[in-house]
Protein backbone atom coordinates (compact mmCIF):
# COMPACT_ATOMS: atom_id res chain seq x y z
CA MET A 1 25.65 -44.42 -70.42
CA ASN A 2 27.90 -47.23 -69.17
CA THR A 3 28.58 -47.50 -65.44
CA SER A 4 32.25 -46.50 -65.45
CA LEU A 5 31.60 -43.37 -67.52
CA ALA A 6 28.58 -42.44 -65.38
CA GLU A 7 30.68 -42.92 -62.24
CA ALA A 8 33.48 -40.72 -63.56
CA LEU A 9 31.09 -37.99 -64.73
CA SER A 10 29.10 -38.01 -61.48
CA ALA A 11 32.22 -37.82 -59.31
CA GLY A 12 33.76 -35.09 -61.46
CA LEU A 13 30.63 -32.96 -61.35
CA LEU A 14 30.31 -33.43 -57.57
CA VAL A 15 33.88 -32.16 -57.15
CA ALA A 16 33.12 -29.20 -59.43
CA VAL A 17 29.95 -28.35 -57.49
CA LEU A 18 31.74 -28.47 -54.12
CA VAL A 19 34.76 -26.49 -55.30
CA CYS A 20 32.56 -23.76 -56.75
CA ALA A 21 30.44 -23.70 -53.57
CA VAL A 22 33.65 -23.16 -51.57
CA VAL A 23 35.40 -20.69 -53.88
CA ARG A 24 32.33 -19.00 -55.43
CA PRO A 25 34.20 -17.71 -58.50
CA TRP A 26 33.12 -14.25 -59.69
CA GLY A 27 30.71 -14.15 -56.75
CA TRP A 28 28.48 -16.83 -58.25
CA PRO A 29 25.87 -18.37 -55.92
CA GLU A 30 26.27 -22.04 -55.03
CA ALA A 31 23.40 -22.98 -57.37
CA ALA A 32 25.16 -21.57 -60.46
CA VAL A 33 27.12 -24.78 -60.97
CA ALA A 34 25.02 -27.27 -58.99
CA VAL A 35 21.80 -26.84 -61.00
CA PRO A 36 23.45 -27.28 -64.44
CA ALA A 37 25.43 -30.24 -63.09
CA ALA A 38 22.23 -31.95 -61.95
CA ALA A 39 20.61 -31.19 -65.30
CA VAL A 40 23.54 -32.76 -67.18
CA LEU A 41 23.40 -35.94 -65.08
CA ILE A 42 19.66 -36.26 -65.68
CA ALA A 43 20.03 -35.58 -69.40
CA VAL A 44 22.72 -38.25 -69.97
CA GLY A 45 20.91 -40.84 -67.86
CA ALA A 46 23.47 -41.03 -65.05
CA VAL A 47 20.58 -40.78 -62.61
CA PRO A 48 17.20 -42.26 -63.65
CA PRO A 49 14.08 -40.05 -63.57
CA ALA A 50 12.56 -42.30 -60.89
CA HIS A 51 15.53 -41.63 -58.61
CA VAL A 52 15.28 -37.90 -59.29
CA GLN A 53 11.65 -38.03 -58.20
CA GLU A 54 12.58 -39.99 -55.07
CA GLU A 55 15.25 -37.44 -54.18
CA ALA A 56 12.89 -34.52 -54.77
CA ALA A 57 10.22 -36.19 -52.60
CA ARG A 58 12.79 -36.84 -49.84
CA LEU A 59 14.31 -33.36 -49.90
CA GLY A 60 11.11 -31.38 -50.60
CA PRO A 61 9.86 -31.17 -46.99
CA VAL A 62 13.41 -30.55 -45.76
CA ILE A 63 13.89 -27.65 -48.17
CA GLY A 64 10.50 -26.21 -47.27
CA PHE A 65 11.38 -26.40 -43.59
CA LEU A 66 14.75 -24.74 -44.20
CA ALA A 67 13.08 -21.87 -46.07
CA ALA A 68 10.60 -21.29 -43.23
CA VAL A 69 13.34 -21.29 -40.57
CA LEU A 70 15.50 -18.88 -42.57
CA VAL A 71 12.57 -16.46 -42.87
CA LEU A 72 11.78 -16.88 -39.16
CA ALA A 73 15.39 -16.11 -38.18
CA GLN A 74 15.56 -13.03 -40.40
CA LEU A 75 12.28 -11.67 -39.03
CA CYS A 76 13.55 -12.23 -35.47
CA ASP A 77 16.60 -10.18 -36.39
CA ASP A 78 14.35 -7.45 -37.82
CA GLU A 79 12.43 -7.45 -34.52
CA GLY A 80 15.69 -6.73 -32.67
CA LEU A 81 16.20 -10.12 -31.01
CA PHE A 82 19.91 -10.36 -31.83
CA ARG A 83 20.61 -6.75 -30.85
CA ALA A 84 18.96 -7.47 -27.51
CA CYS A 85 21.21 -10.54 -27.10
CA GLY A 86 24.28 -8.40 -27.80
CA ALA A 87 23.22 -5.80 -25.26
CA TRP A 88 22.60 -8.48 -22.65
CA MET A 89 26.06 -9.98 -23.26
CA ALA A 90 27.71 -6.55 -22.98
CA ARG A 91 25.93 -5.69 -19.72
CA SER A 92 26.59 -9.09 -18.24
CA ALA A 93 30.29 -9.26 -19.15
CA ARG A 94 31.19 -5.69 -18.03
CA GLY A 95 34.86 -5.70 -18.98
CA ARG A 96 35.48 -9.42 -18.35
CA PRO A 97 36.35 -11.23 -21.61
CA ARG A 98 36.06 -14.68 -19.98
CA ARG A 99 32.55 -13.83 -18.86
CA LEU A 100 31.78 -12.60 -22.37
CA LEU A 101 32.95 -15.92 -23.81
CA THR A 102 30.55 -17.71 -21.45
CA GLN A 103 27.70 -15.49 -22.59
CA VAL A 104 28.55 -16.07 -26.25
CA PHE A 105 28.48 -19.83 -25.62
CA VAL A 106 25.06 -19.59 -23.98
CA VAL A 107 23.54 -17.38 -26.68
CA ALA A 108 25.18 -19.13 -29.66
CA SER A 109 24.18 -22.58 -28.39
CA ALA A 110 20.56 -21.49 -27.89
CA VAL A 111 20.33 -19.64 -31.22
CA THR A 112 21.89 -22.55 -33.12
CA ALA A 113 19.60 -25.11 -31.51
CA VAL A 114 16.37 -23.15 -31.96
CA LEU A 115 16.88 -20.98 -35.08
CA SER A 116 19.50 -23.12 -36.87
CA LEU A 117 23.20 -22.69 -37.46
CA ASP A 118 22.61 -20.19 -40.27
CA ALA A 119 21.21 -17.70 -37.76
CA THR A 120 24.34 -18.04 -35.62
CA VAL A 121 26.71 -17.53 -38.53
CA VAL A 122 24.89 -14.82 -40.47
CA LEU A 123 23.05 -12.89 -37.74
CA LEU A 124 24.82 -13.53 -34.43
CA THR A 125 28.47 -13.31 -35.57
CA PRO A 126 28.22 -9.60 -36.54
CA VAL A 127 26.52 -8.91 -33.19
CA VAL A 128 29.40 -10.64 -31.37
CA PHE A 129 31.91 -8.53 -33.30
CA ALA A 130 30.05 -5.37 -32.31
CA THR A 131 29.75 -6.47 -28.68
CA ALA A 132 33.48 -7.24 -28.39
CA ALA A 133 34.32 -3.87 -29.96
CA ARG A 134 31.95 -2.11 -27.57
CA LEU A 135 33.71 -3.74 -24.61
CA GLY A 136 37.21 -3.21 -26.01
CA ALA A 137 37.81 -7.00 -25.88
CA ARG A 138 39.77 -9.00 -28.42
CA PRO A 139 37.15 -10.53 -30.74
CA LYS A 140 38.92 -13.71 -31.82
CA PRO A 141 37.86 -16.13 -29.01
CA HIS A 142 34.24 -15.04 -29.21
CA VAL A 143 34.06 -15.10 -33.01
CA TYR A 144 35.68 -18.55 -33.12
CA ALA A 145 33.03 -19.69 -30.65
CA CYS A 146 30.34 -18.68 -33.16
CA THR A 147 31.70 -20.84 -35.98
CA HIS A 148 32.46 -23.86 -33.78
CA LEU A 149 29.07 -23.72 -32.09
CA SER A 150 27.24 -23.25 -35.38
CA ASN A 151 28.35 -26.83 -36.08
CA THR A 152 28.65 -28.47 -32.66
CA ALA A 153 25.63 -26.86 -30.98
CA SER A 154 23.40 -27.89 -33.88
CA LEU A 155 23.15 -31.42 -32.49
CA LEU A 156 20.20 -30.89 -30.18
CA LEU A 157 17.03 -30.54 -32.26
CA PRO A 158 15.94 -31.81 -35.68
CA VAL A 159 15.48 -28.16 -36.71
CA SER A 160 19.00 -27.01 -35.82
CA ASN A 161 20.75 -28.01 -39.03
CA LEU A 162 19.93 -29.20 -42.52
CA THR A 163 21.90 -32.38 -41.78
CA ASN A 164 19.65 -32.95 -38.75
CA LEU A 165 16.53 -32.66 -40.87
CA LEU A 166 17.86 -35.32 -43.25
CA ALA A 167 18.84 -37.62 -40.38
CA PHE A 168 15.56 -37.00 -38.55
CA ALA A 169 13.53 -37.98 -41.61
CA ALA A 170 15.42 -41.29 -41.85
CA SER A 171 15.66 -42.10 -38.15
CA GLY A 172 11.98 -42.82 -37.46
CA LEU A 173 12.24 -40.85 -34.20
CA THR A 174 9.75 -38.31 -32.89
CA PHE A 175 10.87 -34.73 -32.32
CA THR A 176 11.00 -35.15 -28.54
CA ARG A 177 12.76 -38.53 -28.73
CA PHE A 178 15.40 -37.10 -31.03
CA ALA A 179 16.01 -34.19 -28.63
CA ALA A 180 16.14 -36.49 -25.60
CA LEU A 181 18.73 -38.79 -27.18
CA MET A 182 20.88 -35.89 -28.39
CA ALA A 183 20.75 -33.74 -25.23
CA LEU A 184 23.67 -35.47 -23.46
CA PRO A 185 25.91 -35.59 -26.59
CA TRP A 186 25.06 -31.90 -27.18
CA LEU A 187 26.15 -30.94 -23.67
CA ALA A 188 29.30 -33.10 -23.86
CA ALA A 189 30.43 -31.59 -27.18
CA ILE A 190 29.76 -28.00 -26.05
CA GLY A 191 31.62 -28.68 -22.79
CA VAL A 192 34.72 -29.78 -24.70
CA GLU A 193 34.49 -26.74 -26.96
CA TYR A 194 34.26 -24.40 -23.97
CA ALA A 195 37.18 -25.97 -22.11
CA VAL A 196 39.47 -25.98 -25.15
CA LEU A 197 38.62 -22.46 -26.33
CA ARG A 198 39.20 -20.98 -22.86
CA ARG A 199 42.63 -22.60 -22.76
CA PHE A 200 43.55 -21.98 -26.41
CA PHE A 201 42.72 -18.26 -26.25
CA ALA A 202 43.90 -17.69 -22.68
CA THR A 203 46.16 -14.78 -23.68
CA ASP A 204 43.33 -12.96 -25.47
CA LEU A 205 40.92 -13.59 -22.62
CA ASP A 206 43.41 -12.46 -19.96
CA ALA A 207 44.03 -9.15 -21.76
CA GLY A 208 41.07 -7.58 -20.01
CA ALA A 209 38.82 -4.82 -21.27
CA PRO A 210 37.61 -1.50 -19.90
CA VAL A 211 34.23 -1.44 -18.18
CA PRO A 212 31.84 0.24 -20.62
CA ALA A 213 29.69 3.17 -19.64
CA PRO A 214 26.10 2.18 -18.82
CA ALA A 215 23.87 2.29 -21.87
CA GLU A 216 20.13 2.25 -22.31
CA PRO A 217 19.15 -1.40 -22.90
CA PRO A 218 17.25 -2.03 -26.15
CA ARG A 219 13.60 -3.01 -26.10
CA LEU A 220 13.10 -6.71 -25.50
CA PRO A 221 11.26 -8.13 -28.55
CA LEU A 222 8.62 -10.02 -26.59
CA PHE A 223 6.47 -10.75 -29.64
CA ALA A 224 9.39 -12.45 -31.41
CA LEU A 225 10.29 -14.42 -28.28
CA VAL A 226 6.71 -15.61 -27.79
CA THR A 227 6.49 -16.57 -31.47
CA VAL A 228 9.72 -18.59 -31.29
CA ALA A 229 8.50 -20.31 -28.11
CA GLY A 230 5.19 -21.07 -29.78
CA THR A 231 7.00 -22.47 -32.82
CA LEU A 232 9.03 -24.80 -30.60
CA GLY A 233 5.81 -25.92 -28.96
CA GLY A 234 4.43 -26.49 -32.44
CA PHE A 235 7.36 -28.77 -33.26
CA VAL A 236 6.52 -30.92 -30.26
CA LEU A 237 2.80 -30.95 -31.12
CA THR A 238 3.38 -31.92 -34.76
CA SER A 239 5.63 -34.72 -33.57
CA VAL A 240 2.91 -36.07 -31.29
CA LEU A 241 0.32 -35.81 -34.07
CA ASP A 242 2.71 -37.32 -36.65
CA VAL A 243 2.52 -34.17 -38.79
CA ASN A 244 5.52 -32.82 -40.70
CA PRO A 245 7.23 -30.09 -38.58
CA VAL A 246 7.43 -27.84 -41.63
CA TRP A 247 3.89 -26.70 -40.79
CA ALA A 248 4.94 -25.45 -37.36
CA ALA A 249 7.93 -23.60 -38.84
CA LEU A 250 5.71 -22.11 -41.54
CA ALA A 251 3.17 -20.97 -38.94
CA GLY A 252 5.86 -19.22 -36.88
CA ALA A 253 7.32 -17.50 -39.94
CA LEU A 254 3.84 -16.51 -41.13
CA VAL A 255 2.94 -14.87 -37.80
CA LEU A 256 6.06 -12.68 -37.82
CA ALA A 257 5.77 -12.02 -41.56
CA VAL A 258 2.17 -10.77 -41.32
CA ARG A 259 3.11 -8.50 -38.42
CA ALA A 260 6.12 -7.11 -40.30
CA LEU A 261 4.08 -6.54 -43.48
CA VAL A 262 1.26 -4.81 -41.62
CA GLN A 263 3.77 -2.54 -39.87
CA ARG A 264 5.54 -1.99 -43.22
CA ARG A 265 8.90 -3.10 -41.85
CA THR A 266 9.42 -5.56 -44.68
CA THR A 267 8.18 -6.35 -48.17
CA PRO A 268 7.15 -9.57 -49.96
CA ALA A 269 10.35 -9.36 -52.02
CA ALA A 270 12.45 -9.11 -48.86
CA LEU A 271 10.71 -12.16 -47.41
CA VAL A 272 11.48 -14.15 -50.56
CA ARG A 273 15.14 -13.08 -50.41
CA SER A 274 15.38 -14.11 -46.75
CA ALA A 275 14.29 -17.63 -47.76
CA ALA A 276 17.45 -17.87 -49.91
CA PRO A 277 15.80 -19.48 -52.97
CA LEU A 278 19.11 -19.95 -54.79
CA PHE A 279 20.54 -21.82 -51.83
CA LEU A 280 17.43 -24.00 -51.69
CA ALA A 281 17.91 -24.80 -55.38
CA PHE A 282 21.53 -25.67 -54.58
CA VAL A 283 20.45 -28.14 -51.89
CA LEU A 284 18.07 -29.93 -54.26
CA ALA A 285 20.59 -29.99 -57.11
CA LEU A 286 23.34 -31.22 -54.78
CA GLY A 287 21.04 -34.02 -53.62
CA ILE A 288 20.55 -35.14 -57.22
CA VAL A 289 24.30 -35.01 -57.96
CA VAL A 290 25.09 -37.00 -54.82
CA ARG A 291 22.36 -39.53 -55.72
CA ALA A 292 24.08 -40.02 -59.10
CA VAL A 293 27.43 -40.64 -57.35
CA VAL A 294 25.78 -43.07 -54.93
CA ASP A 295 23.96 -44.93 -57.72
CA ASN A 296 27.13 -45.30 -59.74
CA GLY A 297 29.48 -46.90 -57.24
CA LEU A 298 29.92 -44.86 -54.05
CA ALA A 299 27.26 -46.74 -52.10
CA ALA A 300 28.86 -50.08 -52.94
CA GLY A 301 32.29 -48.72 -52.05
CA LEU A 302 31.19 -47.44 -48.63
CA ALA A 303 28.82 -50.28 -47.74
CA HIS A 304 31.59 -52.55 -46.44
CA LEU A 305 32.94 -49.72 -44.25
CA VAL A 306 29.63 -49.11 -42.47
CA PRO A 307 29.19 -51.18 -39.30
CA HIS A 308 25.68 -52.41 -38.59
CA SER A 309 25.60 -52.84 -34.82
CA GLY A 310 24.79 -50.54 -31.94
CA SER A 311 27.93 -51.30 -29.94
CA LEU A 312 30.13 -48.44 -28.74
CA PRO A 313 33.02 -49.35 -31.11
CA ALA A 314 30.58 -49.44 -34.04
CA LEU A 315 29.14 -46.03 -33.15
CA LEU A 316 32.65 -44.59 -32.78
CA ALA A 317 33.62 -46.01 -36.18
CA LEU A 318 30.51 -44.55 -37.83
CA ALA A 319 31.09 -41.12 -36.32
CA ALA A 320 34.75 -41.16 -37.37
CA LEU A 321 33.84 -42.21 -40.92
CA ALA A 322 31.23 -39.45 -41.12
CA ALA A 323 33.69 -36.84 -39.81
CA VAL A 324 36.34 -37.82 -42.34
CA LEU A 325 33.86 -37.83 -45.21
CA ALA A 326 32.48 -34.44 -44.14
CA ASN A 327 35.95 -32.91 -44.37
CA VAL A 328 36.59 -34.54 -47.75
CA ILE A 329 33.32 -33.80 -49.56
CA ASN A 330 31.55 -31.39 -47.12
CA ASN A 331 29.07 -32.42 -44.44
CA LEU A 332 25.86 -32.06 -46.48
CA PRO A 333 26.90 -34.53 -49.22
CA ALA A 334 28.36 -36.80 -46.53
CA THR A 335 24.94 -36.88 -44.83
CA LEU A 336 23.16 -37.56 -48.10
CA VAL A 337 25.51 -40.49 -48.73
CA LEU A 338 25.70 -42.08 -45.27
CA VAL A 339 22.19 -41.70 -43.86
CA PRO A 340 20.52 -44.11 -46.35
CA LEU A 341 23.31 -46.63 -45.73
CA THR A 342 22.96 -46.52 -41.94
CA ALA A 343 19.17 -46.13 -41.58
CA PRO A 344 18.52 -49.91 -41.69
CA ALA A 345 20.75 -50.30 -38.61
CA GLY A 346 18.42 -48.12 -36.54
CA PRO A 347 18.34 -44.59 -35.11
CA GLY A 348 21.53 -45.05 -33.07
CA ALA A 349 23.60 -45.50 -36.23
CA VAL A 350 21.94 -42.50 -37.90
CA LEU A 351 22.61 -40.29 -34.87
CA ALA A 352 26.24 -41.44 -34.74
CA VAL A 353 26.60 -40.28 -38.36
CA LEU A 354 25.03 -36.98 -37.35
CA LEU A 355 27.64 -36.51 -34.61
CA GLY A 356 30.37 -37.01 -37.19
CA VAL A 357 28.98 -34.64 -39.81
CA ASN A 358 28.18 -31.90 -37.27
CA ILE A 359 31.28 -31.98 -35.05
CA GLY A 360 33.77 -33.08 -37.70
CA PRO A 361 33.54 -29.94 -39.90
CA ASN A 362 35.26 -27.86 -37.20
CA LEU A 363 38.50 -29.50 -38.33
CA THR A 364 38.80 -27.77 -41.74
CA TYR A 365 37.44 -24.74 -43.59
CA ALA A 366 35.74 -26.94 -46.18
CA GLY A 367 33.90 -29.15 -43.67
CA SER A 368 30.64 -27.23 -43.81
CA LEU A 369 29.07 -24.40 -45.79
CA ALA A 370 28.43 -22.58 -42.50
CA THR A 371 32.18 -22.35 -41.83
CA LEU A 372 32.81 -21.01 -45.33
CA LEU A 373 30.12 -18.38 -44.84
CA TRP A 374 31.61 -17.49 -41.45
CA ARG A 375 35.01 -16.88 -43.08
CA ARG A 376 33.45 -14.36 -45.46
CA ILE A 377 31.76 -12.53 -42.59
CA VAL A 378 35.01 -12.42 -40.60
CA ARG A 379 36.84 -10.92 -43.58
CA GLU A 380 34.13 -8.29 -43.96
CA HIS A 381 35.04 -7.19 -40.43
CA GLU A 382 38.71 -6.83 -41.46
CA THR A 383 39.79 -9.84 -39.44
CA GLU A 384 41.82 -12.68 -40.94
CA VAL A 385 41.77 -16.24 -39.64
CA ALA A 386 45.00 -18.16 -40.21
CA LEU A 387 44.61 -21.64 -41.67
CA GLY A 388 47.15 -23.07 -39.23
CA GLU A 389 45.38 -21.62 -36.21
CA PHE A 390 41.97 -22.80 -37.37
CA THR A 391 43.27 -26.31 -38.04
CA LEU A 392 45.21 -26.55 -34.77
CA LEU A 393 42.14 -25.56 -32.78
CA GLY A 394 40.13 -28.15 -34.74
CA VAL A 395 42.68 -30.87 -33.96
CA LEU A 396 42.42 -30.06 -30.26
CA VAL A 397 38.62 -29.95 -30.23
CA VAL A 398 37.19 -32.40 -32.76
CA PRO A 399 38.60 -35.79 -31.65
CA ALA A 400 37.85 -35.18 -27.96
CA ALA A 401 34.38 -33.75 -28.62
CA LEU A 402 33.53 -36.55 -31.03
CA VAL A 403 34.59 -39.36 -28.69
CA LEU A 404 32.81 -37.90 -25.66
CA ALA A 405 29.67 -37.16 -27.68
CA VAL A 406 29.55 -40.72 -29.04
CA VAL A 407 29.99 -42.16 -25.55
CA ALA A 408 27.19 -39.87 -24.37
CA LEU A 409 24.98 -41.05 -27.24
CA TRP A 410 25.68 -44.68 -26.39
CA LEU A 411 24.70 -44.01 -22.75
CA SER A 412 21.52 -42.20 -23.86
CA LEU A 413 20.54 -45.07 -26.14
CA HIS A 414 20.95 -47.54 -23.29
CA ALA A 415 19.14 -45.33 -20.79
CA LEU A 416 16.24 -44.22 -23.01
CA GLY A 417 16.18 -46.89 -25.70
CA GLY A 418 16.78 -46.34 -29.41
């Protein structure tokens, strides 16, 4: 196939894959279009078999890690961890919506960082809805916090987001070094989110709520908490030993899975479903489609836009480019495109891209798959989010959070070294 035809076909199929992932016609899973699209590109020679093998080798450990974390998060939910978080937030807020927003920020930031953004969107958002209803508070500020923090608060650890895993693999950093460099940007971005949301939803937060009657607190799932803590320790240990962190995630998921199976609280089929195999197939297929687009012209088109220095203006430009691209083609394809282009410039450039693809999606619905999933969950709770309101909040948050986070990254790189 000639280059121009391969370029047109690759770009057209990427658009089709992304549109169907956003719209999900007839309730189709994301993989329903992505897998055939990848197969077509392989069949017509738009992406060589050697490049398909490279992409599979690059994404294989990432997909395995994602599966393990998804299972771990679901088993933590089965153990009652998220219900306990909701009860703690309700007791702590006691009729004060502003206090509840603070608690949501604390819990959502921790859950996103440790158990990934999917846990915040899928498991924590319904708990926040229930907690707000229990307190008689208006849910909108707290539910918005879940979707914004599922993106922004995923900056801290390599395990917090699929984009992080891709960037981590290319950065050459250890687990602890990655976390150290991203800690200050993480705090800066969350601080902007908190300040803006408190101001933006001041009317809802000032409405007040009745003090709920005391309720019996749920059992604290100590086994799940200890397992999660041990898994985090495993991430650090694997980093020191230069072992892929997928083994630590798998060990944590396996401990909770064996316990749940022995106690007959789950089944092997339920464990497989919690790993979201169709979504994992979508990630691999999307990687192949994006590789075809990159091979057939996109890499050359973007190469002259990518700065190759570690100066503050260069990092700001990279983050801005990544944010724009994330809102145009979604943050996962944007990461797949930009990370290989910026990796030769060093970890600072890769982390600047990560700031853009994680903070930037809060600007539009289509910026990340997590935001799209959040919209579906909100609708299931008979709440509608206006496009204008979502976009206005994004305009107020994203530029300020992105600039401050990049400045914080630049300071961290100078203080700790890249």
